[in-house]
Structures are given as structure tokens and as C-alpha cells.
Amino acid sequence: MSDWVSAVYLVTAISFIVSLKLMNSPRTARLGNGLAALGMGAAIVVTFLLPGFNAANLIWILVALLIGTVIGFVSARQVQMTAMPQMVALFNGLGGGAVALVATIEFMRASKHPFGSILTIVLSTLIGALSFAGSMIAYGKLQELIPGRSIGYPGQKPMNLVLLASAIALTFFVIGTGGTNGAFVAILIVSLLLGVLAVLPIGGADMPVVISLLNSFTGVAAGLAGFVLNNTALLIGGGLVGASGLILTLQMCKAMNRSLESVLFGALGGNSHVAAGQASLSQGNIRSYSIEDAAIVFASASSVIIVPGYGMAVAQAQHAVKDLANKLTEMGVDVKYAIHPVAGRMPGHMNVLLAEADVPYDQLFDLDEINSSFPQTDVALVIGANDVTNPAARYDKNSPIYGMPILDVDKAKTCMVSKRSMSPGYAGVDNELYTMPNTVMLFGDAKVTVSKLTAALSDF
């Protein structure tokens, strides 16, 4: 029977690896997600066949599985695409918390542990608890249960360093002495505090990177738990999540042209002032178009690039945007979508929203693929994207977004920006795009504005 379990675990590991490859493209991401879920389901089923499995606890396990399945299914079906980042943060945190609980139980159930076992138990507890607490804070910020801005406090960095040093010292103490319940509980508490206090100062603009990093932490903790439980599937799955999460985190930092250290300690998104050297928009000439004026510009265009941002997500305007694109296509206009890697609240947020509206995958282009097309484009329609379109990132060394690769919407013949107001983005700086001579503003809710624009085009 154990041979069968090992064989299924091997197939599960292969399914995880293949699913990660499939998730590299929006076209195959759904298939990859389904394959990973199928592999995980198989691993769970055959775990009941492991030698030494205590059938006396089977009823409790099945009840827990049923409750978790119902909650997960209902949540996934009912959650809005705009709230998907919160759901990712919440589920990731629950995964970290589950690992910490498993490690805690493994520590408590035996009076003496070998060195290798105690090391992995302590590390999985520390990392899992940190990931749980940090993910809950990230969820609270995204859900606006707590302010999404940077929440600083006096002595923030020294306090975090003290907590980190305490966690390391307690880890060495437990490993060296075999550990006591009191010392182990202290590690758990310190890890939870560190997770909370480390994420609180991080502003909303950096939340995609934080979610990715915490996801990596949860994977590492799960992999360590696989060592503790001698479970191959958990070990391989956790290792893959940890590695892929870290790679994604570094790619996100590269897309923002920032180091991971500056993300964790720089508190981008906490600024409420205009950065030094950045001119106030009140000094520029801002032009606003009516829906009818905008429709005339679109009717005479032969190419349009749509740039979605978090404003589209908030207004839940993805279906209205798809309708506008369909109308333009009917009129013979070439329509593309430009996707910035850090637009929204999590990696791939814009892709998920547009996929929900059945936007064809071949119309979606990454920053590197689309930027060279803007100078030949008649109209660039920016829907709620702020910092990722700010030209100051190219030259203003005093700006917090300096050096971040941006979408070159300002190089289009006409740039239209759909926005509720002139408020700045998460970085807290004004966008000089709005005062450029080829830019016009369409003020109002994105969903309403785009829907009216589509209706107005029916007259042409």
C-alpha cells in the first residue's frame, strides 16, 4: 500500500510542476489551476492509506474536510474578482497558520526530538506563524478593515529587529536544549508579533509584492512541515510554492525597479504629500472632455490601446470595457490591452479581471511587448491606472517611483484618462501625465463613463 501512496505522490509532484508551467500564460492558467487541484486532491485521498494512519480520528478529519470544502467552494464562487487579492491573502494566511498548528502539535506530542526534527519543527512554526499574521494584516488593508496606507510607529525598525533577534535566539535555545513548552510558545508569540508589525508599515502600492513574499513564506513553512511529517507531497508542494513565490517576488520588485529591502522597509504608499521636485497639478493645464467629445475622437481612430488599472477593478468596469472594445472592433478599430505587471493589488490582477469578462487572450500585451506601439497609436485609454503611467518615473530622481518601468501612454497621439478625481495613486504623488498637451480627462465612475462612451459610439 505504501508503494501506491508513493506512486501517487510522485504523480502529484509532476502535476504541480506542470501546472506551474501552464500558469505562465493566461491561455492555459485555468487548466494549470485545475491540474494542481486534481493533484492535491489525489494526494489528500491517498494520505488516508499511509501505514499507521489512525482510523479512530477519521470521522473528525472527514468533518473538517467537509467544512473546509464547503467554505472554500462558496467563498470562491461568491467573491468578486475585485476582491480576489483579499481572498489570496486570506487563504495564504490560513495555510501558514495551519502549518504552524501542525508543527506545534508535533512539538507537544513528544518529550524528546532529534536535532533535525526539532530544527524543522521550530522553523516551520516561526515562518508559518509570521506568514499567518502578516497575511491577516495584508487582508485587513486590502479589505479596508484597517487603513491601507503605511502605518508607522515610533521605533518601528528597532522593534522589528529586536523581535527578529528574539525569534532567532529562542530558536537556538529550543534547538540546543531540546526545548520547553514555554520557550516554544514564546517563539510562536514573537513570530505572530513580527508578522503584524512588519506588514503594518507597508503601504498599498507594495501590497502585491508583500502578498507574493508571504506566499513564498507559507510554501517554505509547508515544505519544512513535510520534513516533520515525512510527507513527500507536502515537501515537494511546499518547496515549489516557496521557490515560485520568491521568484515572483523578485520579478515584481524588478518591475517596480525597487529592491526587496526598500519594499519591506521603504513604506512606499505611505506618502500623502507631493514628492519633492514634483510639480503640483494645479500649476498645469488640465483638459476635460465630455462623453460626446471623446466619442468623436474614438470614431476617427484606427488604433486604440486600453490600459486597465485598479480604478477599473474598483468600479467593476471590466465588462463595460469589453463592450467598448467590441464596439470599436465592429467599427474597424484595432484594439489592444496593455498590462503593467504591478497594476492592481496582486500579480496578474488585471489579467484575471479581463479574463472574467472573456477578453481574448491574444489582445493582452505585457509592458515590454506593447510599449513600442504607443507612438503609432491614435488613442491610449487609461482606466484608473495611475503610478504605472506617470512619466516622472523616467527622470525625476526625487520621486518615489523613479526608475520604475511605466507604460508609455504619453507617447500616444491622444491619451484619455478615465478617473474619478485628481487624487494621487498609492505612491502619493501627482501624475504629470494629466497636464500634458495630448492628454484629456474623462471624470466619473469608470463603469458609467465607459458604458456611456460605448452608447455614444452607436451614433457613428
Foldseek 3Di string as FASTA:
>chain_A
DVVVLVVLLVVLLVLLVVLVVLCVALVRNVVSVVSNVVSVVSNVVCVCVDPPRDCVCVVVVVVVVVVVVVVVVVCVVPDDLLLVLLVLLQVLLVLLVVLLVLLLCLLVVDQADDLLLLLLSLLLNLLSLLLNLLSVVLSCCSVVVDPQAFDDDPPLVVVLVVLVVLLVVLSCVCSVPVHDNVSSVVNNVSSNVNSNSQNRRAHQLLQQLVSLQSQLSSLCSQLSSCVNVVPSSSNSRSVVSNVVSVVVSVVVCVLLVHDPVCRRPVRQLNDQAAFPPADDCVPFDFAADDLLVVLVLLLPWQEEEEEEASLCSVLLQLLLVVLLVVLSVVSNHHYAYEYRQSGRRHGCSVVSSNVVNVDDSVRYDYQVGCQVCQLVGAEYEYEPDAPQAAPCLDPVPRQPSNPNHHRPNLNHQAYEYEEADQAHDSSNHGRCSRRDPRYHYHHDRRNVSSNSSSVSNVVD
